[in-house]
């Protein structure tokens, strides 16, 4: 399984489209096999779901995400988990152990920088 976590440094980003990049974590048998950073190529409507699908991502984790993006990720067979916060490593451990569930956080405004309100 490959997980993409929208991140700003060591922390989960409040909004996936405006993050600095994505921590790409490959998990095998409930263990982290590899972890690589992928810079955000830019926030363009509809682009990131296809871009991450081409990287064989199975799950996207973020603080918040717009409703349309969530639909596009689902159409690309990528599970969406929103409402995550804190350090990326802790979020990964919680997801792998089944202790992270989506709050279905939906961003409705895009004037913010990093947080969904």
N, C-alpha and C. Protein backbone atom coordinates (compact mmCIF):
# COMPACT_ATOMS: atom_id res chain seq x y z
N UNK A 1 0.85 -1.17 0.00
CA UNK A 1 0.00 0.00 0.00
C UNK A 1 0.90 1.24 0.00
N UNK A 2 0.48 2.23 -0.78
CA UNK A 2 1.21 3.49 -0.83
C UNK A 2 0.30 4.61 -0.31
N UNK A 3 0.83 5.34 0.66
CA UNK A 3 0.10 6.43 1.30
C UNK A 3 0.79 7.74 0.96
N UNK A 4 0.00 8.74 0.58
CA UNK A 4 0.52 10.10 0.38
C UNK A 4 -0.04 10.96 1.51
N UNK A 5 0.84 11.64 2.22
CA UNK A 5 0.40 12.55 3.28
C UNK A 5 0.79 13.96 2.88
N UNK A 6 -0.23 14.83 2.74
CA UNK A 6 0.03 16.23 2.44
C UNK A 6 0.79 16.81 3.63
N UNK A 7 1.98 17.36 3.37
CA UNK A 7 2.80 17.81 4.49
C UNK A 7 3.41 19.19 4.26
N UNK A 8 3.66 19.84 5.39
CA UNK A 8 4.40 21.09 5.45
C UNK A 8 5.49 20.84 6.48
N UNK A 9 6.65 20.46 5.99
CA UNK A 9 7.72 20.07 6.91
C UNK A 9 7.39 18.73 7.53
N UNK A 10 7.52 18.63 8.84
CA UNK A 10 7.26 17.37 9.56
C UNK A 10 5.79 17.17 9.88
N UNK A 11 4.95 18.16 9.62
CA UNK A 11 3.54 18.11 10.01
C UNK A 11 2.61 17.94 8.83
N UNK A 12 1.44 17.36 9.12
CA UNK A 12 0.39 17.22 8.12
C UNK A 12 -0.13 18.61 7.78
N UNK A 13 -0.33 18.85 6.50
CA UNK A 13 -0.82 20.15 6.02
C UNK A 13 -2.33 20.27 6.27
N UNK A 14 -2.76 21.50 6.55
CA UNK A 14 -4.17 21.76 6.75
C UNK A 14 -4.99 21.63 5.48
N UNK A 15 -4.35 21.76 4.32
CA UNK A 15 -5.05 21.66 3.05
C UNK A 15 -4.13 21.01 2.02
N UNK A 16 -4.55 19.90 1.48
CA UNK A 16 -3.67 19.12 0.61
C UNK A 16 -3.17 19.92 -0.60
N UNK A 17 -3.99 20.73 -1.23
CA UNK A 17 -3.60 21.42 -2.45
C UNK A 17 -2.56 22.50 -2.26
N UNK A 18 -2.45 23.02 -1.05
CA UNK A 18 -1.51 24.10 -0.78
C UNK A 18 -0.33 23.64 0.05
N UNK A 19 -0.14 22.34 0.18
CA UNK A 19 0.97 21.81 0.97
C UNK A 19 2.29 22.00 0.22
N UNK A 20 3.39 21.90 0.97
CA UNK A 20 4.71 21.98 0.34
C UNK A 20 4.97 20.74 -0.50
N UNK A 21 4.41 19.62 -0.05
CA UNK A 21 4.62 18.39 -0.80
C UNK A 21 3.93 17.22 -0.13
N UNK A 22 4.29 16.03 -0.56
CA UNK A 22 3.66 14.81 -0.08
C UNK A 22 4.72 13.84 0.41
N UNK A 23 4.53 13.36 1.63
CA UNK A 23 5.35 12.25 2.11
C UNK A 23 4.73 11.00 1.52
N UNK A 24 5.49 10.30 0.72
CA UNK A 24 5.01 9.06 0.10
C UNK A 24 5.56 7.90 0.92
N UNK A 25 4.66 7.19 1.56
CA UNK A 25 5.05 6.10 2.44
C UNK A 25 4.56 4.79 1.87
N UNK A 26 5.48 3.87 1.67
CA UNK A 26 5.11 2.54 1.20
C UNK A 26 5.06 1.61 2.40
N UNK A 27 3.92 0.95 2.56
CA UNK A 27 3.69 0.07 3.71
C UNK A 27 3.54 -1.36 3.22
N UNK A 28 4.24 -2.26 3.90
CA UNK A 28 4.15 -3.68 3.58
C UNK A 28 4.03 -4.45 4.89
N UNK A 29 3.02 -5.29 5.02
CA UNK A 29 2.79 -6.08 6.24
C UNK A 29 2.77 -5.20 7.49
N UNK A 30 2.08 -4.08 7.41
CA UNK A 30 1.92 -3.13 8.52
C UNK A 30 3.22 -2.47 8.96
N UNK A 31 4.24 -2.51 8.11
CA UNK A 31 5.51 -1.85 8.41
C UNK A 31 5.86 -0.86 7.31
N UNK A 32 6.47 0.26 7.69
CA UNK A 32 6.92 1.24 6.72
C UNK A 32 8.12 0.67 5.99
N UNK A 33 7.98 0.51 4.69
CA UNK A 33 9.05 -0.04 3.85
C UNK A 33 9.94 1.08 3.32
N UNK A 34 9.31 2.21 2.92
CA UNK A 34 10.08 3.35 2.42
C UNK A 34 9.29 4.63 2.64
N UNK A 35 10.03 5.74 2.66
CA UNK A 35 9.42 7.05 2.85
C UNK A 35 10.21 8.05 2.00
N UNK A 36 9.50 8.73 1.11
CA UNK A 36 10.13 9.71 0.22
C UNK A 36 9.27 10.96 0.14
N UNK A 37 9.92 12.10 -0.05
CA UNK A 37 9.20 13.36 -0.18
C UNK A 37 9.04 13.70 -1.66
N UNK A 38 7.82 14.09 -2.03
CA UNK A 38 7.50 14.48 -3.39
C UNK A 38 6.98 15.91 -3.35
N UNK A 39 7.70 16.83 -3.96
CA UNK A 39 7.30 18.23 -3.95
C UNK A 39 5.96 18.42 -4.66
N UNK A 40 5.14 19.30 -4.12
CA UNK A 40 3.85 19.62 -4.73
C UNK A 40 4.12 20.33 -6.07
N UNK A 41 3.66 19.75 -7.18
CA UNK A 41 3.90 20.36 -8.49
C UNK A 41 3.00 21.56 -8.77
N UNK A 42 2.10 21.88 -7.85
CA UNK A 42 1.23 23.04 -8.03
C UNK A 42 -0.23 22.67 -7.91
N UNK A 43 -1.00 23.64 -7.43
CA UNK A 43 -2.43 23.43 -7.20
C UNK A 43 -3.20 23.91 -8.42
N UNK A 44 -3.58 22.95 -9.25
CA UNK A 44 -4.39 23.23 -10.44
C UNK A 44 -5.61 22.33 -10.35
N UNK A 45 -6.79 22.87 -10.59
CA UNK A 45 -8.01 22.06 -10.45
C UNK A 45 -7.93 20.72 -11.19
N UNK A 46 -8.16 19.64 -10.43
CA UNK A 46 -8.21 18.31 -11.01
C UNK A 46 -6.88 17.64 -11.26
N UNK A 47 -5.77 18.35 -11.10
CA UNK A 47 -4.46 17.81 -11.45
C UNK A 47 -3.91 16.82 -10.42
N UNK A 48 -3.94 17.18 -9.13
CA UNK A 48 -3.28 16.36 -8.12
C UNK A 48 -3.87 14.95 -7.97
N UNK A 49 -5.18 14.77 -8.07
CA UNK A 49 -5.68 13.38 -8.00
C UNK A 49 -5.11 12.50 -9.11
N UNK A 50 -5.02 13.01 -10.33
CA UNK A 50 -4.43 12.23 -11.44
C UNK A 50 -2.94 12.02 -11.21
N UNK A 51 -2.25 13.08 -10.80
CA UNK A 51 -0.80 13.03 -10.56
C UNK A 51 -0.47 11.95 -9.52
N UNK A 52 -1.19 11.93 -8.41
CA UNK A 52 -0.91 10.94 -7.37
C UNK A 52 -1.37 9.55 -7.78
N UNK A 53 -2.41 9.46 -8.58
CA UNK A 53 -2.84 8.17 -9.11
C UNK A 53 -1.75 7.55 -9.98
N UNK A 54 -1.10 8.39 -10.76
CA UNK A 54 0.00 7.91 -11.62
C UNK A 54 1.19 7.42 -10.80
N UNK A 55 1.27 7.84 -9.54
CA UNK A 55 2.33 7.40 -8.63
C UNK A 55 1.88 6.16 -7.83
N UNK A 56 0.72 5.59 -8.22
CA UNK A 56 0.17 4.38 -7.60
C UNK A 56 -0.17 4.56 -6.12
N UNK A 57 -0.67 5.75 -5.77
CA UNK A 57 -1.07 6.03 -4.40
C UNK A 57 -2.43 5.37 -4.14
N UNK A 58 -2.54 4.76 -2.96
CA UNK A 58 -3.79 4.10 -2.55
C UNK A 58 -4.61 4.96 -1.59
N UNK A 59 -3.92 5.81 -0.80
CA UNK A 59 -4.57 6.61 0.24
C UNK A 59 -3.94 8.00 0.25
N UNK A 60 -4.78 9.05 0.36
CA UNK A 60 -4.30 10.42 0.57
C UNK A 60 -4.79 10.85 1.94
N UNK A 61 -3.87 11.38 2.76
CA UNK A 61 -4.19 11.86 4.10
C UNK A 61 -3.86 13.34 4.16
N UNK A 62 -4.81 14.13 4.69
CA UNK A 62 -4.62 15.57 4.79
C UNK A 62 -5.45 16.11 5.94
N UNK A 63 -5.18 17.37 6.28
CA UNK A 63 -6.01 18.04 7.26
C UNK A 63 -7.39 18.30 6.67
N UNK A 64 -7.42 18.94 5.52
CA UNK A 64 -8.67 19.26 4.85
C UNK A 64 -8.51 19.16 3.35
N UNK A 65 -9.65 19.14 2.67
CA UNK A 65 -9.65 19.00 1.22
C UNK A 65 -11.01 19.43 0.70
N UNK A 66 -11.04 20.05 -0.45
CA UNK A 66 -12.30 20.44 -1.06
C UNK A 66 -13.13 19.24 -1.49
N UNK A 67 -14.44 19.45 -1.56
CA UNK A 67 -15.36 18.37 -1.92
C UNK A 67 -15.07 17.82 -3.32
N UNK A 68 -14.80 18.70 -4.28
CA UNK A 68 -14.54 18.24 -5.65
C UNK A 68 -13.28 17.39 -5.71
N UNK A 69 -12.25 17.80 -4.99
CA UNK A 69 -11.01 17.01 -4.96
C UNK A 69 -11.26 15.63 -4.37
N UNK A 70 -12.09 15.57 -3.32
CA UNK A 70 -12.39 14.28 -2.71
C UNK A 70 -13.08 13.36 -3.72
N UNK A 71 -13.99 13.90 -4.49
CA UNK A 71 -14.68 13.12 -5.52
C UNK A 71 -13.67 12.63 -6.56
N UNK A 72 -12.77 13.52 -6.99
CA UNK A 72 -11.77 13.15 -8.00
C UNK A 72 -10.82 12.08 -7.50
N UNK A 73 -10.41 12.16 -6.22
CA UNK A 73 -9.56 11.11 -5.67
C UNK A 73 -10.31 9.78 -5.66
N UNK A 74 -11.56 9.80 -5.24
CA UNK A 74 -12.35 8.56 -5.24
C UNK A 74 -12.49 7.99 -6.64
N UNK A 75 -12.68 8.86 -7.64
CA UNK A 75 -12.78 8.40 -9.02
C UNK A 75 -11.47 7.78 -9.51
N UNK A 76 -10.35 8.19 -8.88
CA UNK A 76 -9.04 7.63 -9.23
C UNK A 76 -8.65 6.48 -8.29
N UNK A 77 -9.65 5.94 -7.58
CA UNK A 77 -9.45 4.81 -6.67
C UNK A 77 -8.44 5.09 -5.56
N UNK A 78 -8.46 6.33 -5.05
CA UNK A 78 -7.61 6.71 -3.94
C UNK A 78 -8.52 7.04 -2.76
N UNK A 79 -8.32 6.35 -1.66
CA UNK A 79 -9.10 6.59 -0.44
C UNK A 79 -8.68 7.92 0.17
N UNK A 80 -9.66 8.72 0.59
CA UNK A 80 -9.41 10.03 1.18
C UNK A 80 -9.60 9.97 2.69
N UNK A 81 -8.59 10.45 3.42
CA UNK A 81 -8.68 10.58 4.87
C UNK A 81 -8.39 12.03 5.20
N UNK A 82 -9.38 12.74 5.75
CA UNK A 82 -9.19 14.13 6.14
C UNK A 82 -9.35 14.29 7.64
N UNK A 83 -8.95 15.46 8.13
CA UNK A 83 -9.04 15.75 9.56
C UNK A 83 -7.79 15.35 10.32
N UNK A 84 -6.76 14.89 9.62
CA UNK A 84 -5.52 14.50 10.28
C UNK A 84 -4.72 15.74 10.66
N UNK A 85 -4.00 15.65 11.77
CA UNK A 85 -3.09 16.73 12.15
C UNK A 85 -1.97 16.17 12.99
N UNK A 86 -0.91 16.95 13.14
CA UNK A 86 0.24 16.51 13.92
C UNK A 86 1.38 16.10 13.02
N UNK A 87 2.33 15.39 13.62
CA UNK A 87 3.51 14.97 12.89
C UNK A 87 3.19 13.79 11.94
N UNK A 88 3.78 13.86 10.77
CA UNK A 88 3.56 12.85 9.73
C UNK A 88 3.82 11.44 10.26
N UNK A 89 4.93 11.24 10.96
CA UNK A 89 5.28 9.90 11.43
C UNK A 89 4.22 9.33 12.37
N UNK A 90 3.68 10.17 13.25
CA UNK A 90 2.62 9.72 14.16
C UNK A 90 1.34 9.39 13.41
N UNK A 91 1.02 10.21 12.42
CA UNK A 91 -0.19 9.98 11.62
C UNK A 91 -0.09 8.67 10.86
N UNK A 92 1.08 8.38 10.30
CA UNK A 92 1.29 7.12 9.59
C UNK A 92 1.08 5.94 10.54
N UNK A 93 1.70 5.99 11.70
CA UNK A 93 1.56 4.90 12.68
C UNK A 93 0.10 4.70 13.05
N UNK A 94 -0.61 5.81 13.29
CA UNK A 94 -2.03 5.71 13.65
C UNK A 94 -2.86 5.12 12.51
N UNK A 95 -2.55 5.50 11.27
CA UNK A 95 -3.30 4.96 10.14
C UNK A 95 -3.05 3.46 9.99
N UNK A 96 -1.79 3.07 10.03
CA UNK A 96 -1.44 1.65 9.87
C UNK A 96 -2.08 0.79 10.96
N UNK A 97 -2.15 1.33 12.17
CA UNK A 97 -2.70 0.55 13.29
C UNK A 97 -4.22 0.63 13.36
N UNK A 98 -4.84 1.39 12.43
CA UNK A 98 -6.29 1.47 12.40
C UNK A 98 -6.86 2.50 13.36
N UNK A 99 -6.02 3.37 13.90
CA UNK A 99 -6.45 4.36 14.87
C UNK A 99 -6.65 5.75 14.28
N UNK A 100 -6.71 5.85 12.97
CA UNK A 100 -6.95 7.14 12.31
C UNK A 100 -8.15 6.97 11.39
N UNK A 101 -9.19 7.71 11.66
CA UNK A 101 -10.37 7.67 10.81
C UNK A 101 -10.62 9.06 10.25
N UNK A 102 -11.20 9.12 9.10
CA UNK A 102 -11.47 10.39 8.44
C UNK A 102 -12.59 11.14 9.14
N UNK A 103 -12.41 12.45 9.26
CA UNK A 103 -13.48 13.30 9.80
C UNK A 103 -14.34 13.83 8.66
N UNK A 104 -13.96 13.50 7.43
CA UNK A 104 -14.63 13.98 6.22
C UNK A 104 -14.61 15.51 6.15
N UNK A 105 -13.53 16.10 6.67
CA UNK A 105 -13.31 17.55 6.64
C UNK A 105 -13.35 18.03 5.20
N UNK A 106 -14.19 19.02 4.94
CA UNK A 106 -14.31 19.60 3.60
C UNK A 106 -13.97 21.08 3.67
N UNK A 107 -13.02 21.50 2.84
CA UNK A 107 -12.67 22.92 2.75
C UNK A 107 -13.64 23.58 1.78
N UNK A 108 -14.20 24.69 2.19
CA UNK A 108 -15.13 25.42 1.33
C UNK A 108 -14.56 26.71 0.81
N UNK A 109 -13.47 27.18 1.41
CA UNK A 109 -12.87 28.45 1.00
C UNK A 109 -11.40 28.21 0.68
N UNK A 110 -10.87 29.02 -0.22
CA UNK A 110 -9.47 28.85 -0.61
C UNK A 110 -8.63 30.10 -0.40
N UNK A 111 -9.13 31.06 0.41
CA UNK A 111 -8.32 32.23 0.67
C UNK A 111 -7.28 31.98 1.75
N UNK A 112 -7.43 30.88 2.46
CA UNK A 112 -6.53 30.59 3.58
C UNK A 112 -5.17 30.15 3.10
N UNK A 113 -4.23 30.18 4.03
CA UNK A 113 -2.89 29.69 3.74
C UNK A 113 -2.57 28.59 4.73
N UNK A 114 -2.89 27.37 4.42
CA UNK A 114 -2.47 26.25 5.24
C UNK A 114 -3.53 25.64 6.13
N UNK A 115 -4.60 26.36 6.44
CA UNK A 115 -5.63 25.81 7.32
C UNK A 115 -6.98 25.93 6.66
N UNK A 116 -7.85 24.98 6.97
CA UNK A 116 -9.23 25.05 6.49
C UNK A 116 -10.10 25.60 7.61
N UNK A 117 -10.95 26.55 7.28
CA UNK A 117 -11.84 27.14 8.29
C UNK A 117 -13.26 27.09 7.77
